[in-house]
N, C-alpha and C. Protein backbone atom coordinates (compact mmCIF):
# COMPACT_ATOMS: atom_id res chain seq x y z
N PRO A 1 26.44 45.20 -210.56
CA PRO A 1 26.72 44.12 -211.65
C PRO A 1 25.80 42.71 -211.39
N ARG A 2 25.23 42.54 -212.15
CA ARG A 2 24.44 41.06 -212.07
C ARG A 2 25.43 40.02 -211.58
N THR A 3 24.93 39.06 -210.58
CA THR A 3 25.77 38.15 -210.29
C THR A 3 24.79 36.67 -210.76
N CYS A 4 25.43 35.67 -210.98
CA CYS A 4 25.10 34.49 -211.41
C CYS A 4 24.92 33.53 -210.15
N PRO A 5 23.94 32.79 -209.92
CA PRO A 5 23.67 31.72 -208.63
C PRO A 5 24.52 30.79 -208.83
N ASP A 6 24.86 30.23 -207.68
CA ASP A 6 25.73 29.03 -207.55
C ASP A 6 24.92 27.86 -208.30
N TYR A 7 23.69 27.77 -207.49
CA TYR A 7 22.98 26.72 -207.74
C TYR A 7 21.24 27.07 -207.77
N LEU A 8 20.57 26.26 -208.60
CA LEU A 8 19.16 26.63 -208.81
C LEU A 8 18.32 25.29 -208.28
N VAL A 9 17.29 25.34 -207.45
CA VAL A 9 16.52 24.43 -207.49
C VAL A 9 15.17 24.73 -207.89
N ALA A 10 14.39 23.77 -208.15
CA ALA A 10 12.97 24.14 -208.83
C ALA A 10 12.25 22.97 -208.74
N ASP A 11 10.86 22.96 -208.99
CA ASP A 11 10.18 21.76 -208.91
C ASP A 11 9.75 21.35 -210.20
N LYS A 12 9.04 20.36 -210.46
CA LYS A 12 8.62 19.84 -211.54
C LYS A 12 8.24 20.47 -212.70
N GLY A 13 7.61 21.53 -212.50
CA GLY A 13 7.07 22.37 -213.55
C GLY A 13 8.20 22.81 -214.36
N TYR A 14 9.43 22.83 -213.97
CA TYR A 14 10.50 23.61 -214.93
C TYR A 14 11.48 22.67 -215.11
N SER A 15 11.09 21.18 -215.22
CA SER A 15 11.84 20.16 -215.85
C SER A 15 11.66 19.87 -217.25
N SER A 16 12.61 20.75 -217.97
CA SER A 16 12.63 20.52 -219.56
C SER A 16 13.89 20.56 -220.08
N ARG A 17 13.98 19.93 -221.22
CA ARG A 17 15.47 19.74 -221.72
C ARG A 17 16.20 21.31 -222.02
N ALA A 18 15.26 22.33 -222.56
CA ALA A 18 15.73 23.48 -222.83
C ALA A 18 16.05 24.29 -221.57
N ASN A 19 15.37 24.08 -220.35
CA ASN A 19 15.89 24.77 -219.11
C ASN A 19 17.10 24.00 -218.68
N ARG A 20 17.11 23.00 -218.81
CA ARG A 20 18.37 22.22 -218.24
C ARG A 20 19.53 22.65 -219.00
N ALA A 21 19.24 22.71 -220.40
CA ALA A 21 20.55 23.25 -221.12
C ALA A 21 20.89 24.51 -221.01
N LEU A 22 19.89 25.46 -220.77
CA LEU A 22 20.27 26.68 -220.42
C LEU A 22 21.14 27.01 -219.33
N LEU A 23 20.69 26.22 -218.27
CA LEU A 23 21.45 26.23 -216.91
C LEU A 23 22.74 25.47 -217.18
N ARG A 24 23.05 24.69 -217.78
CA ARG A 24 24.39 23.95 -217.97
C ARG A 24 25.16 25.25 -218.89
N ARG A 25 24.56 25.77 -219.94
CA ARG A 25 25.40 26.56 -220.74
C ARG A 25 25.88 27.63 -219.91
N ARG A 26 24.98 28.25 -218.73
CA ARG A 26 25.42 29.34 -217.95
C ARG A 26 26.28 28.95 -216.84
N GLY A 27 26.57 27.59 -216.72
CA GLY A 27 27.33 27.14 -215.59
C GLY A 27 26.87 26.97 -213.95
N ILE A 28 25.57 26.90 -214.18
CA ILE A 28 24.54 26.83 -213.00
C ILE A 28 24.31 25.51 -212.60
N SER A 29 24.94 24.90 -211.35
CA SER A 29 24.23 23.68 -211.25
C SER A 29 22.89 23.68 -210.81
N HIS A 30 22.25 22.47 -210.84
CA HIS A 30 20.72 22.62 -210.47
C HIS A 30 20.19 21.41 -210.13
N THR A 31 19.01 21.56 -209.37
CA THR A 31 18.43 20.32 -208.58
C THR A 31 16.78 20.62 -209.23
N ILE A 32 16.50 19.67 -210.14
CA ILE A 32 15.25 19.87 -210.51
C ILE A 32 14.76 18.56 -210.69
N ALA A 33 13.33 18.65 -209.86
CA ALA A 33 12.87 17.28 -209.88
C ALA A 33 12.20 16.61 -211.35
N GLN A 34 12.02 15.60 -211.49
CA GLN A 34 11.80 14.97 -212.76
C GLN A 34 10.35 14.12 -212.68
N PRO A 35 9.47 14.74 -213.51
CA PRO A 35 8.09 14.22 -213.52
C PRO A 35 8.14 12.64 -213.92
N SER A 36 7.08 11.83 -213.15
CA SER A 36 7.19 10.64 -213.33
C SER A 36 6.99 10.22 -214.62
N ASP A 37 6.11 10.84 -215.51
CA ASP A 37 6.00 10.45 -217.00
C ASP A 37 7.40 10.76 -217.83
N GLN A 38 8.14 11.68 -217.46
CA GLN A 38 9.46 11.73 -218.15
C GLN A 38 10.21 10.89 -217.75
N ALA A 39 10.44 10.44 -216.60
CA ALA A 39 11.23 9.14 -216.33
C ALA A 39 10.72 8.02 -216.60
N ALA A 40 9.57 7.70 -216.88
CA ALA A 40 9.05 6.42 -217.27
C ALA A 40 9.31 6.29 -219.00
N ASN A 41 9.16 7.43 -219.57
CA ASN A 41 9.31 7.53 -221.03
C ASN A 41 10.83 7.24 -221.15
N ARG A 42 11.76 7.85 -220.56
CA ARG A 42 13.06 7.63 -220.67
C ARG A 42 13.44 6.22 -220.24
N ARG A 43 12.90 5.49 -219.28
CA ARG A 43 13.11 3.93 -219.00
C ARG A 43 12.53 3.22 -220.20
N ARG A 44 11.56 3.62 -220.94
CA ARG A 44 10.65 2.94 -221.70
C ARG A 44 11.82 2.82 -223.00
N LYS A 45 12.60 3.90 -223.39
CA LYS A 45 13.28 3.95 -224.50
C LYS A 45 14.59 3.08 -224.17
N GLY A 46 14.76 2.63 -223.06
CA GLY A 46 16.06 2.01 -222.60
C GLY A 46 17.37 2.72 -222.99
N SER A 47 18.46 2.27 -223.31
CA SER A 47 19.60 2.90 -223.63
C SER A 47 19.52 4.12 -224.49
N ALA A 48 18.52 4.29 -225.29
CA ALA A 48 18.27 5.56 -226.31
C ALA A 48 17.63 6.68 -225.70
N GLY A 49 17.28 6.17 -224.28
CA GLY A 49 16.50 7.51 -223.58
C GLY A 49 17.50 8.37 -222.74
N GLY A 50 18.55 8.07 -222.70
CA GLY A 50 19.78 8.95 -221.98
C GLY A 50 19.72 8.38 -220.74
N ARG A 51 20.75 9.30 -219.91
CA ARG A 51 21.10 8.93 -218.68
C ARG A 51 20.01 9.85 -217.92
N PRO A 52 19.75 9.09 -216.64
CA PRO A 52 19.13 10.02 -215.86
C PRO A 52 19.49 11.15 -215.29
N VAL A 53 18.56 12.29 -215.09
CA VAL A 53 18.91 13.46 -214.66
C VAL A 53 19.77 13.33 -213.42
N GLY A 54 20.46 14.34 -212.99
CA GLY A 54 21.16 14.34 -211.61
C GLY A 54 20.14 14.74 -210.48
N PHE A 55 19.97 14.25 -209.26
CA PHE A 55 19.10 15.03 -208.24
C PHE A 55 19.52 14.83 -207.08
N ASN A 56 19.85 15.97 -206.46
CA ASN A 56 20.47 16.09 -204.78
C ASN A 56 19.36 16.15 -203.99
N LYS A 57 18.84 15.12 -203.30
CA LYS A 57 17.69 14.96 -202.17
C LYS A 57 17.82 16.08 -201.28
N ALA A 58 18.99 16.19 -200.64
CA ALA A 58 19.26 16.96 -199.42
C ALA A 58 19.20 18.51 -199.91
N ARG A 59 19.58 19.02 -201.15
CA ARG A 59 19.38 20.13 -202.04
C ARG A 59 17.92 20.52 -201.68
N TYR A 60 17.20 19.56 -202.47
CA TYR A 60 15.84 19.82 -202.65
C TYR A 60 14.73 19.75 -201.59
N ALA A 61 15.36 19.12 -200.46
CA ALA A 61 14.58 19.08 -199.14
C ALA A 61 14.73 20.56 -198.73
N ARG A 62 15.58 21.46 -198.74
CA ARG A 62 15.84 22.81 -198.33
C ARG A 62 14.82 23.56 -198.96
N ARG A 63 14.54 23.34 -200.17
CA ARG A 63 13.63 23.81 -201.14
C ARG A 63 11.96 24.06 -200.30
N ASN A 64 11.64 23.23 -199.42
CA ASN A 64 10.56 23.02 -198.66
C ASN A 64 10.67 24.38 -197.58
N VAL A 65 11.73 24.79 -197.21
CA VAL A 65 11.62 25.80 -196.21
C VAL A 65 11.43 27.30 -196.91
N VAL A 66 11.66 27.40 -198.06
CA VAL A 66 11.38 28.60 -198.74
C VAL A 66 9.96 28.59 -199.33
N GLU A 67 9.31 27.42 -199.53
CA GLU A 67 8.08 27.51 -200.17
C GLU A 67 7.17 27.71 -198.75
N ARG A 68 7.55 27.09 -197.60
CA ARG A 68 6.55 27.47 -196.32
C ARG A 68 7.00 28.91 -196.02
N SER A 69 7.96 29.49 -196.22
CA SER A 69 8.11 31.00 -195.81
C SER A 69 7.26 31.87 -196.63
N PHE A 70 7.29 31.69 -197.93
CA PHE A 70 6.32 32.20 -199.07
C PHE A 70 4.94 32.17 -198.77
N CYS A 71 4.44 30.99 -198.09
CA CYS A 71 3.12 30.58 -197.76
C CYS A 71 2.60 31.60 -196.44
N GLN A 72 3.55 31.48 -195.62
CA GLN A 72 3.36 32.45 -194.45
C GLN A 72 3.22 33.78 -194.60
N VAL A 73 3.94 34.32 -195.59
CA VAL A 73 3.81 35.64 -196.10
C VAL A 73 2.50 36.11 -196.85
N LYS A 74 2.13 35.08 -197.59
CA LYS A 74 0.93 35.08 -198.30
C LYS A 74 -0.50 35.11 -197.52
N GLN A 75 -0.49 34.64 -196.16
CA GLN A 75 -1.45 34.69 -195.27
C GLN A 75 -1.78 35.89 -195.13
N TRP A 76 -1.15 37.11 -195.46
CA TRP A 76 -1.44 38.37 -195.14
C TRP A 76 -2.26 38.74 -196.28
N ARG A 77 -3.63 39.09 -196.09
CA ARG A 77 -4.52 39.47 -196.95
C ARG A 77 -4.25 40.62 -197.93
N GLY A 78 -3.69 41.61 -197.31
CA GLY A 78 -3.15 42.80 -198.03
C GLY A 78 -2.04 42.60 -198.96
N LEU A 79 -1.12 41.52 -198.72
CA LEU A 79 -0.27 41.32 -199.84
C LEU A 79 -0.77 39.97 -200.75
N ALA A 80 -1.63 39.24 -200.62
CA ALA A 80 -2.42 38.37 -201.19
C ALA A 80 -2.90 38.80 -202.40
N THR A 81 -3.70 39.97 -202.02
CA THR A 81 -4.71 40.58 -202.86
C THR A 81 -3.97 41.68 -203.56
N ARG A 82 -2.94 42.01 -203.15
CA ARG A 82 -2.22 43.41 -203.70
C ARG A 82 -2.99 44.70 -203.67
N TYR A 83 -3.61 44.94 -202.44
CA TYR A 83 -4.29 46.14 -202.47
C TYR A 83 -3.66 47.71 -202.74
N ASP A 84 -2.28 47.42 -202.41
CA ASP A 84 -1.47 48.59 -202.60
C ASP A 84 -1.21 49.27 -204.14
N LYS A 85 -1.32 50.49 -204.16
CA LYS A 85 -1.52 50.80 -205.68
C LYS A 85 -0.16 50.97 -206.06
N HIS A 86 0.97 51.44 -205.38
CA HIS A 86 2.33 51.73 -205.68
C HIS A 86 3.05 50.57 -205.29
N ALA A 87 4.08 50.28 -205.91
CA ALA A 87 5.11 49.37 -205.63
C ALA A 87 5.91 49.56 -204.54
N ARG A 88 5.99 50.57 -204.15
CA ARG A 88 6.99 51.03 -203.03
C ARG A 88 6.47 50.61 -201.50
N ASN A 89 4.82 50.82 -201.82
CA ASN A 89 3.82 50.55 -200.66
C ASN A 89 3.88 49.12 -200.49
N TYR A 90 3.78 48.49 -201.49
CA TYR A 90 3.60 46.80 -201.51
C TYR A 90 5.22 46.36 -200.99
N ALA A 91 6.18 46.97 -201.44
CA ALA A 91 7.45 46.59 -201.00
C ALA A 91 7.42 46.66 -199.63
N GLY A 92 7.06 47.78 -198.92
CA GLY A 92 7.16 48.07 -197.55
C GLY A 92 6.13 47.20 -196.64
N ALA A 93 5.14 46.80 -197.26
CA ALA A 93 3.95 45.75 -196.46
C ALA A 93 4.53 44.42 -196.56
N LEU A 94 5.41 44.13 -197.44
CA LEU A 94 6.22 42.87 -197.67
C LEU A 94 7.45 42.80 -196.81
N ASN A 95 8.12 43.77 -196.58
CA ASN A 95 9.20 43.85 -195.47
C ASN A 95 8.71 43.96 -194.10
N LEU A 96 7.50 44.58 -193.97
CA LEU A 96 6.94 44.40 -192.48
C LEU A 96 6.36 43.00 -192.28
N ALA A 97 5.63 42.34 -193.08
CA ALA A 97 4.94 40.84 -193.05
C ALA A 97 6.35 40.16 -192.72
N ALA A 98 7.36 40.06 -193.63
CA ALA A 98 8.52 39.30 -193.48
C ALA A 98 9.11 39.28 -192.06
N LEU A 99 9.25 40.67 -191.64
CA LEU A 99 9.82 40.92 -190.36
C LEU A 99 9.03 40.43 -189.04
N LEU A 100 7.81 40.59 -189.15
CA LEU A 100 6.76 40.03 -188.29
C LEU A 100 6.69 38.56 -188.26
N THR A 101 6.71 37.96 -189.04
CA THR A 101 6.66 36.43 -189.49
C THR A 101 7.88 35.96 -188.80
N TRP A 102 9.03 36.19 -189.32
CA TRP A 102 10.38 35.61 -189.11
C TRP A 102 11.01 36.07 -187.56
N LEU A 103 10.66 37.10 -187.39
CA LEU A 103 11.23 37.46 -185.83
C LEU A 103 10.43 36.74 -184.79
N PRO A 104 11.23 36.39 -183.82
CA PRO A 104 10.45 35.84 -182.80
C PRO A 104 9.71 36.62 -182.06
């Protein structure tokens, strides 16, 4: 069975009213950074601009760990260029790269 995540952390590229509404409808709490132009537009409108979006700095800071992990795995040339023809071979190479990267 599919499970629903407890929360979602995303960067500014996913900051849209539609994305936030979808997450709210599904009951998923989220931390999505707001682009400066959206924040400035909301402030310019004053009280008609609505409330500022909620933002959890500590939760967003943990996103950096995930981004750096993906960056380390992408350093493997075979994974970055996807030389493998079959998905199972690519998945095996990805598992191997992850093990060698994160195990001491």
